[in-house]
Each structure stands twice: as C-alpha cells, then as structure tokens.
Amino acid sequence: MNDAISLAMPTFNQAALLRRFLAAWREHGSDLVPLMVVDDGSTDVTPEVLREAGHPRLTVHRLPHVSAAHARNHALRNSPTPWLAFSDTDCLLDRRYFETLAGIPARYADAPAVEGAVRPSPGPKPPFTHSLHNPTGGTYATANMVFRVGEVVALGGFDEAFTVNFREDTDLGLTLFEKRGPVPFCADLVVEHPHLPRRFGRSLRLAYATQDRLVRAEILLFRKHPASYRRVRYHADARGTLAAWCTRYSAACLKECLGYFGAPGLSAADRARALLPSAQALIVAAVEQACILGLCAARWGDIARLRAP
C-alpha cells in the first residue's frame, strides 16, 4: 500500500463525469494510489454516485459549497499522506499516470511540488467546447499537480480570495516559485482533458458574473505577483492581459472556429454538426467581450496602474 502519496479530486455538480473518473481510478489506479473525493456541496446526484462507489481506498468528504480553493485546502489539511496530487473531475487518467504518480515522492524528494502535463483529446478542438492544454508546464494547473503537503500548508495553501475556479492554482504555483524556487515539470506524468461541450443558455445567463470573477482574479493575481506574473501570461502585466481580452476576445473565438473547419480530415458531416456550436460560440463570445469591456471600463482607473515593475 502506498503511504507516501494520495490523489485528491474536488468535485461540484459533475456527477456523470465523476462516474467516469471513479471507474478509471478503480480500473487503473486503486491498487497504486488512494483517492480522496471532496464533494464541494454538489446539488446533483453526486452524493449517490459516491455512495455507490464504495471502495476501501476511497474516502469521501462533503462540504458546504464555497469554492475550489476552499475544497482543495480541505484536502490538504486532511491528506493521509505527506504528498498529495490533484486532478479534476473531467480528466482522464490511465495506468501510466498512476504508475508515474506513485513514484513521484522518491523521484522528486527535494521538491515542494511537481507539475504534470495536461493534454486535450487528439484532433482539432470543436467549437463551443472547453478543454485544457498544458503540455510543457508553467501554468500550474491543478488538473495535474502534486504537492508536498507540509510545504504548501506552511505557505497558506490555496488563496481563498480567488472565489472562482480560475487562477487560484497559478497563484499557488507562483507563490511556490517565489518562496521555494522553480517547480519541476514531469513530462511523463500526463492526464488527458477532453473537449467538453459548453451549454449555450447557461453560458449566456452567467456571462456577466463569470467575466466579473475572471477579471477580478486576473487583477488579484498580478497584484500578488507583479514580478513573476509574466512567467504565466503572454503579457508583462494585468493591464496588458485585460486590454487584450477587451480587443481580441471575440476574434480569438472566431479564429478557433475557422481553425476547426479548416482542419484536415474532417468529413462534411463533421463540419455540418459544427455549424450550430460555432454560431453559439460566437454569440457567447460577443456577449462575454461586451461584459469584459464594461467591467474594465468601470475599473480602468485601477487597471491602468497595473504595470509591470
């Protein structure tokens, strides 16, 4: 039994994906790494899925819903092992991942944390889907991160001022970099993040609230890490990042849609099926960009001062 490392997976209202995740862990990793699931106050059938999944190496913690950062901190405080890995409900983990994960404590004995690779499913990204791409490291995405628990807890863990599931993992990665030095990247610790369809009505309904939290998170990230911010973004400061969002957000969505239609090997049926999601993606992107413009205009006095040192 592995007593050096375990895997934690916070989840919120993703019961169908949770079933898939648990099945993969049972098949590929339950004999190698114990699993802790932190149910962050789900209101769907997640509790039933977890009850049905009873396993001697599975522990379940249920919390009132607060945030991903709060759920991850709970996992750190209750970790049964000195090393704790994190992944996301929507990730696919195979046998090689678990075999590599089990060896991380010995392989990186002096590191405060280890970053793994996150790859999307093969093929072009379909329109109006969500996925994650971190093939060479540098974003510290908790879809595939491993932490030495004592080190991270001593630094305060995840900052719960990040109330949306965005940039709180990057913030912790930069804190580790600033306080403990570079976080090593393990190229053979790999998870797959499939392209998951977004929901049109929900995306429109939550557009303003979501973009408000994203803008706030970006500002907070830069204010906490003005000197190291450029390591994780294309721009040297949050002013540059937010200005790019204001001017290029919809154009980036259009480019992504056109890139899909121009990808080699797609059938006429594939392209036909992508027409409606493409239209939905462009509508939502236009609404979200309008929200970003309004939010940044309202805060531009503060944003203009967010300059690289």
Protein backbone atom coordinates (compact mmCIF):
# COMPACT_ATOMS: atom_id res chain seq x y z
CA MET A 1 0.00 0.00 0.00
CA ASN A 2 1.31 3.46 -0.95
CA ASP A 3 1.76 5.53 2.22
CA ALA A 4 3.70 8.39 0.57
CA ILE A 5 1.20 9.86 -1.89
CA SER A 6 -2.53 10.02 -2.49
CA LEU A 7 -4.80 11.68 -5.04
CA ALA A 8 -7.42 14.32 -4.22
CA MET A 9 -10.24 15.31 -6.51
CA PRO A 10 -12.63 18.13 -5.54
CA THR A 11 -15.90 17.97 -7.47
CA PHE A 12 -19.02 20.11 -7.82
CA ASN A 13 -22.16 19.11 -9.75
CA GLN A 14 -20.41 16.86 -12.29
CA ALA A 15 -21.97 13.51 -11.44
CA ALA A 16 -21.70 11.97 -14.92
CA LEU A 17 -18.03 12.90 -15.22
CA LEU A 18 -17.46 11.72 -11.65
CA ARG A 19 -18.73 8.23 -12.56
CA ARG A 20 -16.23 8.08 -15.40
CA PHE A 21 -13.39 9.33 -13.19
CA LEU A 22 -14.12 6.80 -10.46
CA ALA A 23 -14.31 3.96 -12.99
CA ALA A 24 -10.89 4.93 -14.39
CA TRP A 25 -9.38 5.10 -10.91
CA ARG A 26 -10.82 1.71 -9.93
CA GLU A 27 -9.51 0.11 -13.13
CA HIS A 28 -6.11 1.78 -13.41
CA GLY A 29 -5.04 3.18 -10.06
CA SER A 30 -6.87 1.92 -6.99
CA ASP A 31 -4.09 -0.58 -6.25
CA LEU A 32 -1.42 2.13 -6.54
CA VAL A 33 -2.76 5.38 -5.07
CA PRO A 34 -5.64 6.01 -2.62
CA LEU A 35 -8.26 8.56 -3.66
CA MET A 36 -9.92 11.33 -1.65
CA VAL A 37 -13.01 12.93 -3.22
CA VAL A 38 -14.10 16.28 -1.79
CA ASP A 39 -17.72 16.94 -2.71
CA ASP A 40 -17.95 20.73 -2.66
CA GLY A 41 -21.65 20.85 -1.81
CA SER A 42 -22.99 19.33 -5.03
CA THR A 43 -26.74 19.58 -5.57
CA ASP A 44 -26.97 16.90 -8.27
CA VAL A 45 -26.69 13.13 -7.73
CA THR A 46 -23.00 13.30 -6.77
CA PRO A 47 -23.67 12.01 -3.21
CA GLU A 48 -25.46 8.95 -4.62
CA VAL A 49 -22.62 8.29 -7.09
CA LEU A 50 -20.12 8.39 -4.25
CA ARG A 51 -22.19 6.09 -2.05
CA GLU A 52 -22.46 3.58 -4.88
CA ALA A 53 -18.70 3.76 -5.48
CA GLY A 54 -17.73 2.46 -2.03
CA HIS A 55 -14.14 1.23 -2.07
CA PRO A 56 -11.68 0.57 0.78
CA ARG A 57 -9.16 3.02 -0.70
CA LEU A 58 -11.72 5.74 -1.43
CA THR A 59 -12.53 8.39 1.18
CA VAL A 60 -15.24 10.99 0.73
CA HIS A 61 -15.55 14.41 2.36
CA ARG A 62 -18.69 16.52 1.83
CA LEU A 63 -18.53 20.28 2.42
CA PRO A 64 -20.93 23.20 2.09
CA HIS A 65 -20.25 24.80 -1.29
CA VAL A 66 -17.69 27.61 -1.12
CA SER A 67 -15.05 27.41 -3.86
CA ALA A 68 -12.49 25.13 -5.48
CA ALA A 69 -9.73 26.76 -3.42
CA HIS A 70 -11.63 26.03 -0.21
CA ALA A 71 -12.21 22.39 -1.21
CA ARG A 72 -8.55 21.90 -2.12
CA ASN A 73 -7.41 23.39 1.18
CA HIS A 74 -9.68 20.94 2.97
CA ALA A 75 -8.00 18.12 1.07
CA LEU A 76 -4.54 19.40 2.04
CA ARG A 77 -5.48 19.68 5.71
CA ASN A 78 -6.90 16.16 5.70
CA SER A 79 -4.32 14.48 3.50
CA PRO A 80 -3.50 10.96 4.72
CA THR A 81 -0.06 11.11 3.09
CA PRO A 82 2.87 13.57 3.01
CA TRP A 83 2.40 14.08 -0.75
CA LEU A 84 -0.95 14.94 -2.32
CA ALA A 85 -1.80 15.07 -6.01
CA PHE A 86 -4.77 16.91 -7.51
CA SER A 87 -6.79 16.31 -10.64
CA ASP A 88 -10.18 17.40 -11.98
CA THR A 89 -13.43 15.52 -12.45
CA ASP A 90 -13.32 15.97 -16.22
CA CYS A 91 -9.82 14.50 -16.68
CA LEU A 92 -8.96 11.03 -18.00
CA LEU A 93 -6.26 9.14 -16.08
CA ASP A 94 -4.65 5.93 -17.31
CA ARG A 95 -2.42 3.24 -15.83
CA ARG A 96 0.77 5.03 -16.83
CA TYR A 97 -0.34 8.14 -14.94
CA PHE A 98 -0.87 6.20 -11.71
CA GLU A 99 2.39 4.27 -12.06
CA THR A 100 4.28 7.53 -12.57
CA LEU A 101 2.40 9.26 -9.75
CA ALA A 102 3.28 6.53 -7.27
CA GLY A 103 6.97 7.18 -7.91
CA ILE A 104 6.90 10.99 -7.60
CA PRO A 105 7.91 11.23 -3.89
CA ALA A 106 11.10 9.24 -4.43
CA ARG A 107 11.86 10.81 -7.79
CA TYR A 108 11.45 14.43 -6.59
CA ALA A 109 12.37 14.02 -2.94
CA ASP A 110 13.58 17.62 -2.51
CA ALA A 111 10.84 19.42 -4.48
CA PRO A 112 7.99 21.31 -2.80
CA ALA A 113 5.70 20.41 -5.72
CA VAL A 114 5.73 18.77 -9.14
CA GLU A 115 3.80 19.85 -12.23
CA GLY A 116 2.49 17.32 -14.75
CA ALA A 117 1.32 17.64 -18.34
CA VAL A 118 -2.29 18.23 -19.39
CA ARG A 119 -3.22 17.38 -22.96
CA PRO A 120 -6.52 17.72 -24.80
CA SER A 121 -8.03 14.85 -26.72
CA PRO A 122 -6.43 14.24 -30.15
CA GLY A 123 -7.76 16.20 -33.07
CA PRO A 124 -8.90 19.80 -33.57
CA LYS A 125 -10.82 21.49 -30.78
CA PRO A 126 -14.52 21.54 -31.72
CA PRO A 127 -16.36 24.87 -31.48
CA PHE A 128 -18.02 25.82 -28.19
CA THR A 129 -16.14 23.33 -26.06
CA HIS A 130 -13.91 23.65 -23.02
CA SER A 131 -10.55 21.93 -22.67
CA LEU A 132 -7.16 22.50 -21.10
CA HIS A 133 -3.70 22.40 -22.66
CA ASN A 134 -0.51 22.46 -20.58
CA PRO A 135 1.96 20.21 -22.44
CA THR A 136 5.22 21.70 -21.19
CA GLY A 137 4.33 23.21 -17.81
CA GLY A 138 4.33 26.74 -16.48
CA THR A 139 0.63 27.18 -15.70
CA TYR A 140 0.49 25.04 -12.53
CA ALA A 141 -2.97 23.73 -13.43
CA THR A 142 -4.44 21.56 -10.66
CA ALA A 143 -5.72 19.20 -13.32
CA ASN A 144 -2.27 17.67 -12.78
CA MET A 145 -0.26 18.97 -9.83
CA VAL A 146 1.45 17.20 -6.93
CA PHE A 147 2.28 18.96 -3.65
CA ARG A 148 4.37 18.19 -0.62
CA VAL A 149 1.62 18.82 1.90
CA GLY A 150 3.70 20.30 4.73
CA GLU A 151 5.39 22.81 2.43
CA VAL A 152 2.16 24.01 0.86
CA VAL A 153 0.21 24.24 4.11
CA ALA A 154 3.06 26.24 5.66
CA LEU A 155 2.68 28.76 2.82
CA GLY A 156 -1.07 29.06 3.42
CA GLY A 157 -2.32 26.69 0.73
CA PHE A 158 -4.66 27.98 -1.95
CA ASP A 159 -5.72 31.60 -1.54
CA GLU A 160 -9.48 31.55 -0.99
CA ALA A 161 -9.73 35.15 -2.13
CA PHE A 162 -9.89 33.55 -5.59
CA THR A 163 -13.58 32.72 -5.42
CA VAL A 164 -13.87 31.37 -8.97
CA ASN A 165 -12.14 28.25 -10.26
CA PHE A 166 -9.59 30.36 -12.12
CA ARG A 167 -6.00 31.41 -11.37
CA GLU A 168 -6.01 30.14 -7.77
CA ASP A 169 -3.77 27.28 -8.87
CA THR A 170 -1.48 29.62 -10.82
CA ASP A 171 -1.28 31.85 -7.76
CA LEU A 172 -0.08 28.96 -5.59
CA GLY A 173 2.43 27.92 -8.26
CA LEU A 174 3.90 31.43 -8.35
CA THR A 175 3.99 31.55 -4.55
CA LEU A 176 5.99 28.32 -4.54
CA PHE A 177 8.30 29.69 -7.23
CA GLU A 178 8.91 32.89 -5.27
CA LYS A 179 9.35 31.22 -1.87
CA ARG A 180 10.90 27.84 -2.72
CA GLY A 181 12.27 28.12 -6.25
CA PRO A 182 11.24 26.53 -9.56
CA VAL A 183 8.64 23.76 -9.54
CA PRO A 184 9.92 20.81 -11.61
CA PHE A 185 7.89 19.59 -14.57
CA CYS A 186 7.40 15.84 -15.02
CA ALA A 187 6.71 15.28 -18.72
CA ASP A 188 5.63 11.66 -18.28
CA LEU A 189 3.02 12.46 -15.63
CA VAL A 190 0.19 13.04 -18.13
CA VAL A 191 -3.57 13.48 -17.89
CA GLU A 192 -5.98 13.97 -20.77
CA HIS A 193 -8.54 16.76 -20.62
CA PRO A 194 -11.24 16.02 -23.22
CA HIS A 195 -13.06 18.70 -25.18
CA LEU A 196 -16.29 19.16 -23.21
CA PRO A 197 -19.33 20.89 -24.75
CA ARG A 198 -20.45 24.14 -23.15
CA ARG A 199 -24.12 24.90 -22.54
CA PHE A 200 -25.49 27.83 -24.52
CA GLY A 201 -28.25 29.06 -22.19
CA ARG A 202 -26.15 28.70 -19.06
CA SER A 203 -23.19 30.46 -20.66
CA LEU A 204 -25.35 33.43 -21.60
CA ARG A 205 -27.10 33.55 -18.24
CA LEU A 206 -23.83 33.55 -16.30
CA ALA A 207 -21.75 35.63 -18.73
CA TYR A 208 -21.53 38.78 -16.64
CA ALA A 209 -20.98 37.06 -13.29
CA THR A 210 -18.34 34.76 -14.76
CA GLN A 211 -16.41 37.52 -16.50
CA ASP A 212 -16.60 39.69 -13.38
CA ARG A 213 -14.93 36.94 -11.35
CA LEU A 214 -12.34 36.32 -14.07
CA VAL A 215 -11.38 39.99 -14.30
CA ARG A 216 -11.12 40.22 -10.50
CA ALA A 217 -8.99 37.07 -10.40
CA GLU A 218 -6.61 38.42 -13.05
CA ILE A 219 -6.18 41.69 -11.16
CA LEU A 220 -5.58 39.84 -7.89
CA LEU A 221 -3.04 37.51 -9.48
CA PHE A 222 -0.98 40.42 -10.77
CA ARG A 223 -1.20 42.40 -7.54
CA LYS A 224 0.13 39.40 -5.63
CA HIS A 225 2.87 38.54 -8.14
CA PRO A 226 3.92 41.66 -10.08
CA ALA A 227 7.47 40.43 -10.64
CA SER A 228 6.67 36.82 -11.66
CA TYR A 229 3.33 37.39 -13.43
CA ARG A 230 4.94 37.37 -16.88
CA ARG A 231 6.02 33.74 -16.34
CA VAL A 232 2.42 32.57 -16.74
CA ARG A 233 0.90 35.11 -19.15
CA TYR A 234 1.68 36.44 -22.62
CA HIS A 235 1.78 39.97 -21.23
CA ALA A 236 4.05 41.50 -18.63
CA ASP A 237 1.20 42.83 -16.51
CA ALA A 238 -2.53 42.51 -15.96
CA ARG A 239 -3.18 45.76 -17.79
CA GLY A 240 -1.84 44.15 -20.97
CA THR A 241 -3.78 40.94 -20.43
CA LEU A 242 -7.08 42.72 -19.81
CA ALA A 243 -6.54 45.08 -22.75
CA ALA A 244 -6.03 42.04 -24.98
CA TRP A 245 -9.24 40.47 -23.67
CA CYS A 246 -11.10 43.70 -24.43
CA THR A 247 -9.88 43.88 -28.01
CA ARG A 248 -9.27 40.30 -29.16
CA TYR A 249 -11.64 38.03 -27.24
CA SER A 250 -14.26 37.52 -29.97
CA ALA A 251 -11.59 37.42 -32.68
CA ALA A 252 -9.85 34.57 -30.86
CA CYS A 253 -13.14 32.64 -30.78
CA LEU A 254 -13.69 33.24 -34.50
CA LYS A 255 -10.15 32.07 -35.25
CA GLU A 256 -10.74 28.89 -33.25
CA CYS A 257 -13.97 28.12 -35.11
CA LEU A 258 -12.38 28.74 -38.51
CA GLY A 259 -9.42 26.60 -37.47
CA TYR A 260 -11.75 23.70 -36.79
CA PHE A 261 -13.48 23.99 -40.15
CA GLY A 262 -10.11 24.16 -41.87
CA ALA A 263 -8.66 21.13 -40.09
CA PRO A 264 -7.66 18.28 -42.40
CA GLY A 265 -9.56 15.02 -42.30
CA LEU A 266 -12.95 16.40 -41.24
CA SER A 267 -15.94 14.99 -43.07
CA ALA A 268 -18.81 17.05 -44.43
CA ALA A 269 -20.95 15.64 -41.61
CA ASP A 270 -18.41 16.83 -39.01
CA ARG A 271 -18.50 20.32 -40.46
CA ALA A 272 -22.30 20.34 -40.61
CA ARG A 273 -22.54 19.30 -36.96
CA ALA A 274 -20.19 22.14 -36.02
CA LEU A 275 -22.32 24.91 -37.56
CA LEU A 276 -24.69 25.39 -34.61
CA PRO A 277 -21.97 25.19 -31.92
CA SER A 278 -19.92 27.70 -33.92
CA ALA A 279 -22.81 30.15 -34.02
CA GLN A 280 -23.41 29.64 -30.30
CA ALA A 281 -19.71 30.14 -29.56
CA LEU A 282 -19.59 33.43 -31.46
CA ILE A 283 -22.76 34.75 -29.80
CA VAL A 284 -21.49 33.90 -26.32
CA ALA A 285 -18.03 35.32 -27.09
CA ALA A 286 -19.58 38.61 -28.22
CA VAL A 287 -21.66 38.84 -25.03
CA GLU A 288 -18.67 37.94 -22.87
CA GLN A 289 -16.48 40.51 -24.60
CA ALA A 290 -19.13 43.17 -24.01
CA CYS A 291 -19.12 42.21 -20.34
CA ILE A 292 -15.31 42.41 -20.19
CA LEU A 293 -15.34 45.83 -21.86
CA GLY A 294 -17.88 47.15 -19.37
CA LEU A 295 -16.07 45.67 -16.38
CA CYS A 296 -12.70 47.01 -17.47
CA ALA A 297 -14.12 50.44 -18.29
CA ALA A 298 -15.60 50.65 -14.80
CA ARG A 299 -12.24 49.76 -13.23
CA TRP A 300 -9.91 51.38 -15.74
CA GLY A 301 -8.50 53.84 -13.21
CA ASP A 302 -7.20 50.90 -11.18
CA ILE A 303 -6.30 48.74 -14.17
CA ALA A 304 -4.17 51.47 -15.74
CA ARG A 305 -1.90 51.32 -12.70
CA LEU A 306 -1.34 47.57 -13.02
CA ARG A 307 2.03 47.94 -14.71
CA ALA A 308 4.99 45.61 -14.66
CA PRO A 309 7.71 46.70 -12.21
